Amino acid sequence: MRNAQRMPEITYFFAAHSAFAYLGSAAFYDTAKKPGAKFAFARWTLAKLLPPRSQANRNYYFGREIERWGEMRNVAIKAGIPANHGHDETLANCAIIAADLAASPRSTGPWTAASPLE
C-alpha cells in the first residue's frame, strides 16, 4: 500500500480588497477542504509591500489583467476600479481573521470548562 502524502500547512497571504484574493478564493477553499489540509490566514497590506504603480499600469491591472484571471477562474468580475478600493483595508482584513478564529474551537473562550484561553 502506498503511503499517503501529508498535505503541508498552507499559509494564505491575502489583502481583503485584492482582486486576486477574490479571484482565487474558490480554488483556495477547494484545496483547504481536502483531507488533512491545514491553513492559516496571514493578512498583508498591499500598499506597504508593493511600490506605487503608474496610472497606465493600474489601468492595465484593473482592465484586461483582472478580466483575464476572471475568465481563467470562471469568476464574475466587474470592469474598472471599485469606488471604495482606495480605502484602508485593515478593518476588513481583521474581520476576516476574526471570523476564522470564531469558527475554530478557540471561540469557546471562557464559556466552557475546556477553554484553551485560561
PDB file of N, CA and C in Angstrom:
ATOM      1  N   MET A   1       0.840  -1.179   0.000  1.00  0.00           N
ATOM      2  CA  MET A   1       0.000   0.000   0.000  1.00  0.00           C
ATOM      3  C   MET A   1       0.886   1.244   0.000  1.00  0.00           C
ATOM      4  N   ARG A   2       0.528   2.172  -0.825  1.00  0.00           N
ATOM      5  CA  ARG A   2       1.287   3.420  -0.942  1.00  0.00           C
ATOM      6  C   ARG A   2       1.062   4.318   0.260  1.00  0.00           C
ATOM      7  N   ASN A   3       2.121   4.944   0.713  1.00  0.00           N
ATOM      8  CA  ASN A   3       1.970   5.919   1.796  1.00  0.00           C
ATOM      9  C   ASN A   3       1.296   7.168   1.267  1.00  0.00           C
ATOM     10  N   ALA A   4       0.309   7.621   1.983  1.00  0.00           N
ATOM     11  CA  ALA A   4      -0.383   8.853   1.587  1.00  0.00           C
ATOM     12  C   ALA A   4       0.518  10.043   1.891  1.00  0.00           C
ATOM     13  N   GLN A   5       0.588  10.957   0.953  1.00  0.00           N
ATOM     14  CA  GLN A   5       1.370  12.172   1.176  1.00  0.00           C
ATOM     15  C   GLN A   5       0.627  13.084   2.124  1.00  0.00           C
ATOM     16  N   ARG A   6       1.336  13.628   3.090  1.00  0.00           N
ATOM     17  CA  ARG A   6       0.726  14.593   4.004  1.00  0.00           C
ATOM     18  C   ARG A   6       0.684  15.949   3.327  1.00  0.00           C
ATOM     19  N   MET A   7      -0.433  16.590   3.452  1.00  0.00           N
ATOM     20  CA  MET A   7      -0.562  17.932   2.897  1.00  0.00           C
ATOM     21  C   MET A   7       0.088  18.917   3.867  1.00  0.00           C
ATOM     22  N   PRO A   8       0.968  19.777   3.369  1.00  0.00           N
ATOM     23  CA  PRO A   8       1.603  20.745   4.265  1.00  0.00           C
ATOM     24  C   PRO A   8       0.616  21.822   4.709  1.00  0.00           C
ATOM     25  N   GLU A   9       0.948  22.481   5.821  1.00  0.00           N
ATOM     26  CA  GLU A   9       0.119  23.607   6.244  1.00  0.00           C
ATOM     27  C   GLU A   9       0.290  24.722   5.226  1.00  0.00           C
ATOM     28  N   ILE A  10      -0.811  25.324   4.855  1.00  0.00           N
ATOM     29  CA  ILE A  10      -0.819  26.397   3.861  1.00  0.00           C
ATOM     30  C   ILE A  10      -0.976  27.721   4.591  1.00  0.00           C
ATOM     31  N   THR A  11      -0.088  28.643   4.329  1.00  0.00           N
ATOM     32  CA  THR A  11      -0.251  29.997   4.845  1.00  0.00           C
ATOM     33  C   THR A  11      -0.827  30.816   3.704  1.00  0.00           C
ATOM     34  N   TYR A  12      -2.013  31.342   3.903  1.00  0.00           N
ATOM     35  CA  TYR A  12      -2.740  32.074   2.871  1.00  0.00           C
ATOM     36  C   TYR A  12      -2.562  33.566   3.104  1.00  0.00           C
ATOM     37  N   PHE A  13      -1.646  34.166   2.354  1.00  0.00           N
ATOM     38  CA  PHE A  13      -1.414  35.605   2.430  1.00  0.00           C
ATOM     39  C   PHE A  13      -2.471  36.298   1.582  1.00  0.00           C
ATOM     40  N   PHE A  14      -3.138  37.270   2.155  1.00  0.00           N
ATOM     41  CA  PHE A  14      -4.203  37.940   1.427  1.00  0.00           C
ATOM     42  C   PHE A  14      -4.341  39.382   1.875  1.00  0.00           C
ATOM     43  N   ALA A  15      -4.927  40.155   1.007  1.00  0.00           N
ATOM     44  CA  ALA A  15      -5.370  41.514   1.325  1.00  0.00           C
ATOM     45  C   ALA A  15      -6.855  41.520   0.984  1.00  0.00           C
ATOM     46  N   ALA A  16      -7.669  41.917   1.927  1.00  0.00           N
ATOM     47  CA  ALA A  16      -9.120  41.785   1.778  1.00  0.00           C
ATOM     48  C   ALA A  16      -9.665  42.447   0.522  1.00  0.00           C
ATOM     49  N   HIS A  17      -9.061  43.525   0.089  1.00  0.00           N
ATOM     50  CA  HIS A  17      -9.623  44.209  -1.072  1.00  0.00           C
ATOM     51  C   HIS A  17      -8.895  43.863  -2.372  1.00  0.00           C
ATOM     52  N   SER A  18      -8.018  42.874  -2.338  1.00  0.00           N
ATOM     53  CA  SER A  18      -7.300  42.474  -3.546  1.00  0.00           C
ATOM     54  C   SER A  18      -8.220  41.697  -4.485  1.00  0.00           C
ATOM     55  N   ALA A  19      -8.197  42.072  -5.736  1.00  0.00           N
ATOM     56  CA  ALA A  19      -8.984  41.331  -6.724  1.00  0.00           C
ATOM     57  C   ALA A  19      -8.507  39.887  -6.813  1.00  0.00           C
ATOM     58  N   PHE A  20      -7.208  39.664  -6.624  1.00  0.00           N
ATOM     59  CA  PHE A  20      -6.694  38.303  -6.703  1.00  0.00           C
ATOM     60  C   PHE A  20      -7.150  37.454  -5.517  1.00  0.00           C
ATOM     61  N   ALA A  21      -7.354  38.052  -4.346  1.00  0.00           N
ATOM     62  CA  ALA A  21      -7.907  37.308  -3.207  1.00  0.00           C
ATOM     63  C   ALA A  21      -9.316  36.830  -3.553  1.00  0.00           C
ATOM     64  N   TYR A  22     -10.090  37.681  -4.193  1.00  0.00           N
ATOM     65  CA  TYR A  22     -11.440  37.316  -4.625  1.00  0.00           C
ATOM     66  C   TYR A  22     -11.385  36.245  -5.714  1.00  0.00           C
ATOM     67  N   LEU A  23     -10.559  36.471  -6.728  1.00  0.00           N
ATOM     68  CA  LEU A  23     -10.494  35.548  -7.856  1.00  0.00           C
ATOM     69  C   LEU A  23      -9.982  34.165  -7.460  1.00  0.00           C
ATOM     70  N   GLY A  24      -9.092  34.107  -6.501  1.00  0.00           N
ATOM     71  CA  GLY A  24      -8.514  32.829  -6.107  1.00  0.00           C
ATOM     72  C   GLY A  24      -9.184  32.155  -4.930  1.00  0.00           C
ATOM     73  N   SER A  25     -10.181  32.799  -4.336  1.00  0.00           N
ATOM     74  CA  SER A  25     -10.756  32.260  -3.101  1.00  0.00           C
ATOM     75  C   SER A  25     -11.431  30.903  -3.292  1.00  0.00           C
ATOM     76  N   ALA A  26     -12.161  30.702  -4.362  1.00  0.00           N
ATOM     77  CA  ALA A  26     -12.847  29.415  -4.565  1.00  0.00           C
ATOM     78  C   ALA A  26     -11.833  28.283  -4.712  1.00  0.00           C
ATOM     79  N   ALA A  27     -10.783  28.511  -5.496  1.00  0.00           N
ATOM     80  CA  ALA A  27      -9.748  27.485  -5.668  1.00  0.00           C
ATOM     81  C   ALA A  27      -9.026  27.225  -4.350  1.00  0.00           C
ATOM     82  N   PHE A  28      -8.773  28.282  -3.591  1.00  0.00           N
ATOM     83  CA  PHE A  28      -8.118  28.113  -2.296  1.00  0.00           C
ATOM     84  C   PHE A  28      -8.979  27.266  -1.362  1.00  0.00           C
ATOM     85  N   TYR A  29     -10.259  27.587  -1.252  1.00  0.00           N
ATOM     86  CA  TYR A  29     -11.128  26.839  -0.347  1.00  0.00           C
ATOM     87  C   TYR A  29     -11.337  25.401  -0.806  1.00  0.00           C
ATOM     88  N   ASP A  30     -11.302  25.150  -2.113  1.00  0.00           N
ATOM     89  CA  ASP A  30     -11.356  23.764  -2.590  1.00  0.00           C
ATOM     90  C   ASP A  30     -10.149  22.991  -2.065  1.00  0.00           C
ATOM     91  N   THR A  31      -8.983  23.613  -2.096  1.00  0.00           N
ATOM     92  CA  THR A  31      -7.769  22.987  -1.572  1.00  0.00           C
ATOM     93  C   THR A  31      -7.867  22.811  -0.061  1.00  0.00           C
ATOM     94  N   ALA A  32      -8.364  23.829   0.620  1.00  0.00           N
ATOM     95  CA  ALA A  32      -8.449  23.796   2.084  1.00  0.00           C
ATOM     96  C   ALA A  32      -9.408  22.718   2.591  1.00  0.00           C
ATOM     97  N   LYS A  33     -10.373  22.306   1.769  1.00  0.00           N
ATOM     98  CA  LYS A  33     -11.348  21.287   2.176  1.00  0.00           C
ATOM     99  C   LYS A  33     -10.806  19.864   2.048  1.00  0.00           C
ATOM    100  N   LYS A  34      -9.659  19.699   1.410  1.00  0.00           N
ATOM    101  CA  LYS A  34      -9.109  18.359   1.205  1.00  0.00           C
ATOM    102  C   LYS A  34      -8.710  17.742   2.543  1.00  0.00           C
ATOM    103  N   PRO A  35      -8.823  16.424   2.638  1.00  0.00           N
ATOM    104  CA  PRO A  35      -8.462  15.750   3.895  1.00  0.00           C
ATOM    105  C   PRO A  35      -7.033  16.090   4.319  1.00  0.00           C
ATOM    106  N   GLY A  36      -6.884  16.430   5.569  1.00  0.00           N
ATOM    107  CA  GLY A  36      -5.568  16.743   6.110  1.00  0.00           C
ATOM    108  C   GLY A  36      -5.086  18.151   5.851  1.00  0.00           C
ATOM    109  N   ALA A  37      -5.877  18.941   5.152  1.00  0.00           N
ATOM    110  CA  ALA A  37      -5.455  20.313   4.842  1.00  0.00           C
ATOM    111  C   ALA A  37      -5.491  21.168   6.100  1.00  0.00           C
ATOM    112  N   LYS A  38      -4.453  21.939   6.284  1.00  0.00           N
ATOM    113  CA  LYS A  38      -4.389  22.885   7.399  1.00  0.00           C
ATOM    114  C   LYS A  38      -3.944  24.212   6.813  1.00  0.00           C
ATOM    115  N   PHE A  39      -4.597  25.282   7.244  1.00  0.00           N
ATOM    116  CA  PHE A  39      -4.193  26.573   6.722  1.00  0.00           C
ATOM    117  C   PHE A  39      -4.365  27.657   7.761  1.00  0.00           C
ATOM    118  N   ALA A  40      -3.651  28.728   7.533  1.00  0.00           N
ATOM    119  CA  ALA A  40      -3.723  29.893   8.411  1.00  0.00           C
ATOM    120  C   ALA A  40      -3.789  31.137   7.540  1.00  0.00           C
ATOM    121  N   PHE A  41      -4.644  32.079   7.928  1.00  0.00           N
ATOM    122  CA  PHE A  41      -4.713  33.352   7.221  1.00  0.00           C
ATOM    123  C   PHE A  41      -3.557  34.238   7.667  1.00  0.00           C
ATOM    124  N   ALA A  42      -2.969  34.925   6.731  1.00  0.00           N
ATOM    125  CA  ALA A  42      -1.912  35.892   7.038  1.00  0.00           C
ATOM    126  C   ALA A  42      -2.226  37.169   6.267  1.00  0.00           C
ATOM    127  N   ARG A  43      -2.652  38.180   6.996  1.00  0.00           N
ATOM    128  CA  ARG A  43      -3.024  39.452   6.377  1.00  0.00           C
ATOM    129  C   ARG A  43      -1.763  40.203   5.972  1.00  0.00           C
ATOM    130  N   TRP A  44      -1.844  40.879   4.840  1.00  0.00           N
ATOM    131  CA  TRP A  44      -0.771  41.782   4.455  1.00  0.00           C
ATOM    132  C   TRP A  44      -1.362  42.974   3.747  1.00  0.00           C
ATOM    133  N   THR A  45      -0.662  44.077   3.816  1.00  0.00           N
ATOM    134  CA  THR A  45      -1.152  45.325   3.240  1.00  0.00           C
ATOM    135  C   THR A  45      -0.425  45.580   1.927  1.00  0.00           C
ATOM    136  N   LEU A  46      -1.160  45.516   0.837  1.00  0.00           N
ATOM    137  CA  LEU A  46      -0.557  45.678  -0.483  1.00  0.00           C
ATOM    138  C   LEU A  46       0.208  46.987  -0.622  1.00  0.00           C
ATOM    139  N   ALA A  47      -0.386  48.071  -0.178  1.00  0.00           N
ATOM    140  CA  ALA A  47       0.220  49.391  -0.356  1.00  0.00           C
ATOM    141  C   ALA A  47       1.571  49.511   0.352  1.00  0.00           C
ATOM    142  N   LYS A  48       1.758  48.773   1.427  1.00  0.00           N
ATOM    143  CA  LYS A  48       3.026  48.842   2.156  1.00  0.00           C
ATOM    144  C   LYS A  48       4.090  47.926   1.562  1.00  0.00           C
ATOM    145  N   LEU A  49       3.683  46.908   0.830  1.00  0.00           N
ATOM    146  CA  LEU A  49       4.628  45.940   0.290  1.00  0.00           C
ATOM    147  C   LEU A  49       4.979  46.156  -1.172  1.00  0.00           C
ATOM    148  N   LEU A  50       4.082  46.746  -1.910  1.00  0.00           N
ATOM    149  CA  LEU A  50       4.315  46.946  -3.337  1.00  0.00           C
ATOM    150  C   LEU A  50       4.557  48.422  -3.628  1.00  0.00           C
ATOM    151  N   PRO A  51       5.509  48.700  -4.490  1.00  0.00           N
ATOM    152  CA  PRO A  51       5.760  50.103  -4.821  1.00  0.00           C
ATOM    153  C   PRO A  51       4.594  50.696  -5.613  1.00  0.00           C
ATOM    154  N   PRO A  52       4.434  52.009  -5.551  1.00  0.00           N
ATOM    155  CA  PRO A  52       3.364  52.652  -6.332  1.00  0.00           C
ATOM    156  C   PRO A  52       3.539  52.359  -7.825  1.00  0.00           C
ATOM    157  N   ARG A  53       2.443  52.239  -8.500  1.00  0.00           N
ATOM    158  CA  ARG A  53       2.451  51.950  -9.940  1.00  0.00           C
ATOM    159  C   ARG A  53       1.963  53.164 -10.720  1.00  0.00           C
ATOM    160  N   SER A  54       2.325  53.171 -11.979  1.00  0.00           N
ATOM    161  CA  SER A  54       1.876  54.259 -12.851  1.00  0.00           C
ATOM    162  C   SER A  54       0.389  54.090 -13.148  1.00  0.00           C
ATOM    163  N   GLN A  55      -0.237  55.149 -13.615  1.00  0.00           N
ATOM    164  CA  GLN A  55      -1.652  55.073 -13.977  1.00  0.00           C
ATOM    165  C   GLN A  55      -1.864  54.076 -15.110  1.00  0.00           C
ATOM    166  N   ALA A  56      -0.926  54.007 -16.044  1.00  0.00           N
ATOM    167  CA  ALA A  56      -1.044  53.045 -17.144  1.00  0.00           C
ATOM    168  C   ALA A  56      -1.027  51.614 -16.600  1.00  0.00           C
ATOM    169  N   ASN A  57      -0.173  51.358 -15.615  1.00  0.00           N
ATOM    170  CA  ASN A  57      -0.104  50.035 -15.009  1.00  0.00           C
ATOM    171  C   ASN A  57      -1.397  49.713 -14.275  1.00  0.00           C
ATOM    172  N   ARG A  58      -1.938  50.674 -13.531  1.00  0.00           N
ATOM    173  CA  ARG A  58      -3.207  50.472 -12.812  1.00  0.00           C
ATOM    174  C   ARG A  58      -4.348  50.208 -13.795  1.00  0.00           C
ATOM    175  N   ASN A  59      -4.373  50.948 -14.895  1.00  0.00           N
ATOM    176  CA  ASN A  59      -5.421  50.752 -15.894  1.00  0.00           C
ATOM    177  C   ASN A  59      -5.361  49.345 -16.485  1.00  0.00           C
ATOM    178  N   TYR A  60      -4.143  48.858 -16.754  1.00  0.00           N
ATOM    179  CA  TYR A  60      -3.989  47.507 -17.289  1.00  0.00           C
ATOM    180  C   TYR A  60      -4.434  46.475 -16.248  1.00  0.00           C
ATOM    181  N   TYR A  61      -3.969  46.649 -15.020  1.00  0.00           N
ATOM    182  CA  TYR A  61      -4.296  45.713 -13.944  1.00  0.00           C
ATOM    183  C   TYR A  61      -5.804  45.613 -13.748  1.00  0.00           C
ATOM    184  N   PHE A  62      -6.479  46.756 -13.663  1.00  0.00           N
ATOM    185  CA  PHE A  62      -7.927  46.751 -13.440  1.00  0.00           C
ATOM    186  C   PHE A  62      -8.710  46.581 -14.738  1.00  0.00           C
ATOM    187  N   GLY A  63      -8.011  46.442 -15.826  1.00  0.00           N
ATOM    188  CA  GLY A  63      -8.656  46.213 -17.112  1.00  0.00           C
ATOM    189  C   GLY A  63      -8.505  44.759 -17.520  1.00  0.00           C
ATOM    190  N   ARG A  64      -7.700  44.536 -18.525  1.00  0.00           N
ATOM    191  CA  ARG A  64      -7.580  43.206 -19.113  1.00  0.00           C
ATOM    192  C   ARG A  64      -7.016  42.148 -18.161  1.00  0.00           C
ATOM    193  N   GLU A  65      -6.078  42.506 -17.298  1.00  0.00           N
ATOM    194  CA  GLU A  65      -5.459  41.501 -16.422  1.00  0.00           C
ATOM    195  C   GLU A  65      -6.482  40.866 -15.473  1.00  0.00           C
ATOM    196  N   ILE A  66      -7.270  41.664 -14.807  1.00  0.00           N
ATOM    197  CA  ILE A  66      -8.293  41.131 -13.904  1.00  0.00           C
ATOM    198  C   ILE A  66      -9.365  40.379 -14.696  1.00  0.00           C
ATOM    199  N   GLU A  67      -9.736  40.915 -15.839  1.00  0.00           N
ATOM    200  CA  GLU A  67     -10.719  40.250 -16.701  1.00  0.00           C
ATOM    201  C   GLU A  67     -10.212  38.867 -17.120  1.00  0.00           C
ATOM    202  N   ARG A  68      -8.947  38.792 -17.502  1.00  0.00           N
ATOM    203  CA  ARG A  68      -8.341  37.527 -17.937  1.00  0.00           C
ATOM    204  C   ARG A  68      -8.346  36.496 -16.801  1.00  0.00           C
ATOM    205  N   TRP A  69      -7.968  36.914 -15.602  1.00  0.00           N
ATOM    206  CA  TRP A  69      -7.976  35.997 -14.463  1.00  0.00           C
ATOM    207  C   TRP A  69      -9.401  35.571 -14.117  1.00  0.00           C
ATOM    208  N   GLY A  70     -10.359  36.456 -14.254  1.00  0.00           N
ATOM    209  CA  GLY A  70     -11.756  36.091 -14.034  1.00  0.00           C
ATOM    210  C   GLY A  70     -12.207  35.018 -15.011  1.00  0.00           C
ATOM    211  N   GLU A  71     -11.817  35.168 -16.269  1.00  0.00           N
ATOM    212  CA  GLU A  71     -12.153  34.165 -17.281  1.00  0.00           C
ATOM    213  C   GLU A  71     -11.499  32.829 -16.952  1.00  0.00           C
ATOM    214  N   MET A  72     -10.228  32.870 -16.554  1.00  0.00           N
ATOM    215  CA  MET A  72      -9.492  31.655 -16.256  1.00  0.00           C
ATOM    216  C   MET A  72     -10.090  30.912 -15.056  1.00  0.00           C
ATOM    217  N   ARG A  73     -10.562  31.652 -14.053  1.00  0.00           N
ATOM    218  CA  ARG A  73     -11.130  31.052 -12.845  1.00  0.00           C
ATOM    219  C   ARG A  73     -12.648  30.887 -12.931  1.00  0.00           C
ATOM    220  N   ASN A  74     -13.240  31.333 -14.036  1.00  0.00           N
ATOM    221  CA  ASN A  74     -14.693  31.289 -14.219  1.00  0.00           C
ATOM    222  C   ASN A  74     -15.407  32.033 -13.086  1.00  0.00           C
ATOM    223  N   VAL A  75     -14.931  33.245 -12.819  1.00  0.00           N
ATOM    224  CA  VAL A  75     -15.450  34.088 -11.745  1.00  0.00           C
ATOM    225  C   VAL A  75     -15.902  35.412 -12.344  1.00  0.00           C
ATOM    226  N   ALA A  76     -17.103  35.844 -11.982  1.00  0.00           N
ATOM    227  CA  ALA A  76     -17.617  37.128 -12.470  1.00  0.00           C
ATOM    228  C   ALA A  76     -16.835  38.272 -11.830  1.00  0.00           C
ATOM    229  N   ILE A  77     -16.531  39.271 -12.619  1.00  0.00           N
ATOM    230  CA  ILE A  77     -15.815  40.443 -12.110  1.00  0.00           C
ATOM    231  C   ILE A  77     -16.283  41.655 -12.899  1.00  0.00           C
ATOM    232  N   LYS A  78     -16.500  42.753 -12.208  1.00  0.00           N
ATOM    233  CA  LYS A  78     -16.942  43.950 -12.920  1.00  0.00           C
ATOM    234  C   LYS A  78     -15.734  44.722 -13.436  1.00  0.00           C
ATOM    235  N   ALA A  79     -15.949  45.512 -14.438  1.00  0.00           N
ATOM    236  CA  ALA A  79     -14.872  46.294 -15.035  1.00  0.00           C
ATOM    237  C   ALA A  79     -14.569  47.523 -14.187  1.00  0.00           C
ATOM    238  N   GLY A  80     -13.326  47.926 -14.199  1.00  0.00           N
ATOM    239  CA  GLY A  80     -12.932  49.161 -13.531  1.00  0.00           C
ATOM    240  C   GLY A  80     -12.553  48.990 -12.072  1.00  0.00           C
ATOM    241  N   ILE A  81     -12.115  50.074 -11.486  1.00  0.00           N
ATOM    242  CA  ILE A  81     -11.693  50.093 -10.090  1.00  0.00           C
ATOM    243  C   ILE A  81     -12.913  50.342  -9.209  1.00  0.00           C
ATOM    244  N   PRO A  82     -13.173  49.475  -8.226  1.00  0.00           N
ATOM    245  CA  PRO A  82     -14.312  49.706  -7.329  1.00  0.00           C
ATOM    246  C   PRO A  82     -14.193  51.053  -6.611  1.00  0.00           C
ATOM    247  N   ALA A  83     -15.306  51.689  -6.355  1.00  0.00           N
ATOM    248  CA  ALA A  83     -15.318  53.027  -5.751  1.00  0.00           C
ATOM    249  C   ALA A  83     -14.618  53.072  -4.398  1.00  0.00           C
ATOM    250  N   ASN A  84     -14.705  52.011  -3.615  1.00  0.00           N
ATOM    251  CA  ASN A  84     -14.101  52.014  -2.280  1.00  0.00           C
ATOM    252  C   ASN A  84     -12.723  51.374  -2.237  1.00  0.00           C
ATOM    253  N   HIS A  85     -12.132  51.117  -3.372  1.00  0.00           N
ATOM    254  CA  HIS A  85     -10.874  50.374  -3.418  1.00  0.00           C
ATOM    255  C   HIS A  85      -9.711  51.107  -2.748  1.00  0.00           C
ATOM    256  N   GLY A  86      -9.720  52.404  -2.730  1.00  0.00           N
ATOM    257  CA  GLY A  86      -8.623  53.157  -2.138  1.00  0.00           C
ATOM    258  C   GLY A  86      -8.661  53.249  -0.631  1.00  0.00           C
ATOM    259  N   HIS A  87      -9.694  52.723   0.003  1.00  0.00           N
ATOM    260  CA  HIS A  87      -9.824  52.804   1.462  1.00  0.00           C
ATOM    261  C   HIS A  87      -8.847  51.861   2.157  1.00  0.00           C
ATOM    262  N   ASP A  88      -8.537  52.155   3.395  1.00  0.00           N
ATOM    263  CA  ASP A  88      -7.673  51.305   4.214  1.00  0.00           C
ATOM    264  C   ASP A  88      -8.353  49.954   4.421  1.00  0.00           C
ATOM    265  N   GLU A  89      -7.622  48.887   4.155  1.00  0.00           N
ATOM    266  CA  GLU A  89      -8.214  47.551   4.256  1.00  0.00           C
ATOM    267  C   GLU A  89      -7.993  46.878   5.608  1.00  0.00           C
ATOM    268  N   THR A  90      -7.395  47.550   6.562  1.00  0.00           N
ATOM    269  CA  THR A  90      -7.078  46.935   7.853  1.00  0.00           C
ATOM    270  C   THR A  90      -8.307  46.342   8.534  1.00  0.00           C
ATOM    271  N   LEU A  91      -9.391  47.086   8.623  1.00  0.00           N
ATOM    272  CA  LEU A  91     -10.590  46.591   9.296  1.00  0.00           C
ATOM    273  C   LEU A  91     -11.145  45.347   8.596  1.00  0.00           C
ATOM    274  N   ALA A  92     -11.182  45.366   7.274  1.00  0.00           N
ATOM    275  CA  ALA A  92     -11.686  44.206   6.531  1.00  0.00           C
ATOM    276  C   ALA A  92     -10.794  42.986   6.751  1.00  0.00           C
ATOM    277  N   ASN A  93      -9.482  43.177   6.721  1.00  0.00           N
ATOM    278  CA  ASN A  93      -8.559  42.066   6.968  1.00  0.00           C
ATOM    279  C   ASN A  93      -8.767  41.484   8.363  1.00  0.00           C
ATOM    280  N   CYS A  94      -8.881  42.352   9.352  1.00  0.00           N
ATOM    281  CA  CYS A  94      -9.073  41.896  10.737  1.00  0.00           C
ATOM    282  C   CYS A  94     -10.412  41.178  10.908  1.00  0.00           C
ATOM    283  N   ALA A  95     -11.450  41.630  10.219  1.00  0.00           N
ATOM    284  CA  ALA A  95     -12.758  40.971  10.296  1.00  0.00           C
ATOM    285  C   ALA A  95     -12.679  39.550   9.744  1.00  0.00           C
ATOM    286  N   ILE A  96     -11.926  39.358   8.680  1.00  0.00           N
ATOM    287  CA  ILE A  96     -11.775  38.017   8.109  1.00  0.00           C
ATOM    288  C   ILE A  96     -11.037  37.108   9.081  1.00  0.00           C
ATOM    289  N   ILE A  97      -9.982  37.620   9.691  1.00  0.00           N
ATOM    290  CA  ILE A  97      -9.239  36.823  10.665  1.00  0.00           C
ATOM    291  C   ILE A  97     -10.125  36.508  11.870  1.00  0.00           C
ATOM    292  N   ALA A  98     -10.895  37.477  12.340  1.00  0.00           N
ATOM    293  CA  ALA A  98     -11.796  37.251  13.476  1.00  0.00           C
ATOM    294  C   ALA A  98     -12.845  36.197  13.139  1.00  0.00           C
ATOM    295  N   ALA A  99     -13.374  36.226  11.928  1.00  0.00           N
ATOM    296  CA  ALA A  99     -14.362  35.219  11.517  1.00  0.00           C
ATOM    297  C   ALA A  99     -13.736  33.833  11.500  1.00  0.00           C
ATOM    298  N   ASP A 100     -12.496  33.742  11.034  1.00  0.00           N
ATOM    299  CA  ASP A 100     -11.792  32.464  11.028  1.00  0.00           C
ATOM    300  C   ASP A 100     -11.590  31.961  12.454  1.00  0.00           C
ATOM    301  N   LEU A 101     -11.166  32.840  13.339  1.00  0.00           N
ATOM    302  CA  LEU A 101     -10.962  32.450  14.735  1.00  0.00           C
ATOM    303  C   LEU A 101     -12.278  32.058  15.405  1.00  0.00           C
ATOM    304  N   ALA A 102     -13.349  32.760  15.085  1.00  0.00           N
ATOM    305  CA  ALA A 102     -14.657  32.462  15.677  1.00  0.00           C
ATOM    306  C   ALA A 102     -15.169  31.092  15.249  1.00  0.00           C
ATOM    307  N   ALA A 103     -14.744  30.631  14.098  1.00  0.00           N
ATOM    308  CA  ALA A 103     -15.186  29.333  13.597  1.00  0.00           C
ATOM    309  C   ALA A 103     -14.357  28.183  14.157  1.00  0.00           C
ATOM    310  N   SER A 104     -13.315  28.491  14.901  1.00  0.00           N
ATOM    311  CA  SER A 104     -12.435  27.451  15.425  1.00  0.00           C
ATOM    312  C   SER A 104     -12.832  27.077  16.852  1.00  0.00           C
ATOM    313  N   PRO A 105     -12.305  25.974  17.353  1.00  0.00           N
ATOM    314  CA  PRO A 105     -12.610  25.573  18.733  1.00  0.00           C
ATOM    315  C   PRO A 105     -12.177  26.615  19.765  1.00  0.00           C
ATOM    316  N   ARG A 106     -11.246  27.482  19.418  1.00  0.00           N
ATOM    317  CA  ARG A 106     -10.793  28.508  20.353  1.00  0.00           C
ATOM    318  C   ARG A 106     -11.908  29.478  20.706  1.00  0.00           C
ATOM    319  N   SER A 107     -12.945  29.536  19.881  1.00  0.00           N
ATOM    320  CA  SER A 107     -14.001  30.524  20.103  1.00  0.00           C
ATOM    321  C   SER A 107     -14.876  30.205  21.309  1.00  0.00           C
ATOM    322  N   THR A 108     -14.696  29.051  21.921  1.00  0.00           N
ATOM    323  CA  THR A 108     -15.486  28.727  23.105  1.00  0.00           C
ATOM    324  C   THR A 108     -15.117  29.630  24.273  1.00  0.00           C
ATOM    325  N   GLY A 109     -13.895  30.154  24.223  1.00  0.00           N
ATOM    326  CA  GLY A 109     -13.437  31.134  25.208  1.00  0.00           C
ATOM    327  C   GLY A 109     -13.765  30.770  26.638  1.00  0.00           C
ATOM    328  N   PRO A 110     -14.194  31.730  27.431  1.00  0.00           N
ATOM    329  CA  PRO A 110     -14.435  31.483  28.847  1.00  0.00           C
ATOM    330  C   PRO A 110     -15.748  30.760  29.125  1.00  0.00           C
ATOM    331  N   TRP A 111     -16.507  30.405  28.096  1.00  0.00           N
ATOM    332  CA  TRP A 111     -17.830  29.825  28.310  1.00  0.00           C
ATOM    333  C   TRP A 111     -17.812  28.332  28.548  1.00  0.00           C
ATOM    334  N   THR A 112     -16.666  27.697  28.390  1.00  0.00           N
ATOM    335  CA  THR A 112     -16.614  26.248  28.621  1.00  0.00           C
ATOM    336  C   THR A 112     -15.498  25.917  29.600  1.00  0.00           C
ATOM    337  N   ALA A 113     -15.631  24.779  30.238  1.00  0.00           N
ATOM    338  CA  ALA A 113     -14.601  24.344  31.193  1.00  0.00           C
ATOM    339  C   ALA A 113     -13.306  23.990  30.476  1.00  0.00           C
ATOM    340  N   ALA A 114     -13.413  23.647  29.190  1.00  0.00           N
ATOM    341  CA  ALA A 114     -12.237  23.229  28.431  1.00  0.00           C
ATOM    342  C   ALA A 114     -11.607  24.377  27.655  1.00  0.00           C
ATOM    343  N   SER A 115     -11.778  25.576  28.109  1.00  0.00           N
ATOM    344  CA  SER A 115     -11.276  26.738  27.390  1.00  0.00           C
ATOM    345  C   SER A 115      -9.755  26.719  27.268  1.00  0.00           C
ATOM    346  N   PRO A 116      -9.231  26.813  26.037  1.00  0.00           N
ATOM    347  CA  PRO A 116      -7.778  26.854  25.855  1.00  0.00           C
ATOM    348  C   PRO A 116      -7.198  28.229  26.200  1.00  0.00           C
ATOM    349  N   LEU A 117      -8.055  29.179  26.520  1.00  0.00           N
ATOM    350  CA  LEU A 117      -7.589  30.540  26.786  1.00  0.00           C
ATOM    351  C   LEU A 117      -7.252  30.777  28.254  1.00  0.00           C
ATOM    352  N   GLU A 118      -7.566  29.827  29.116  1.00  0.00           N
ATOM    353  CA  GLU A 118      -7.332  30.017  30.556  1.00  0.00           C
ATOM    354  C   GLU A 118      -5.944  29.587  30.952  1.00  0.00           C
TER     355      GLU A 118
END
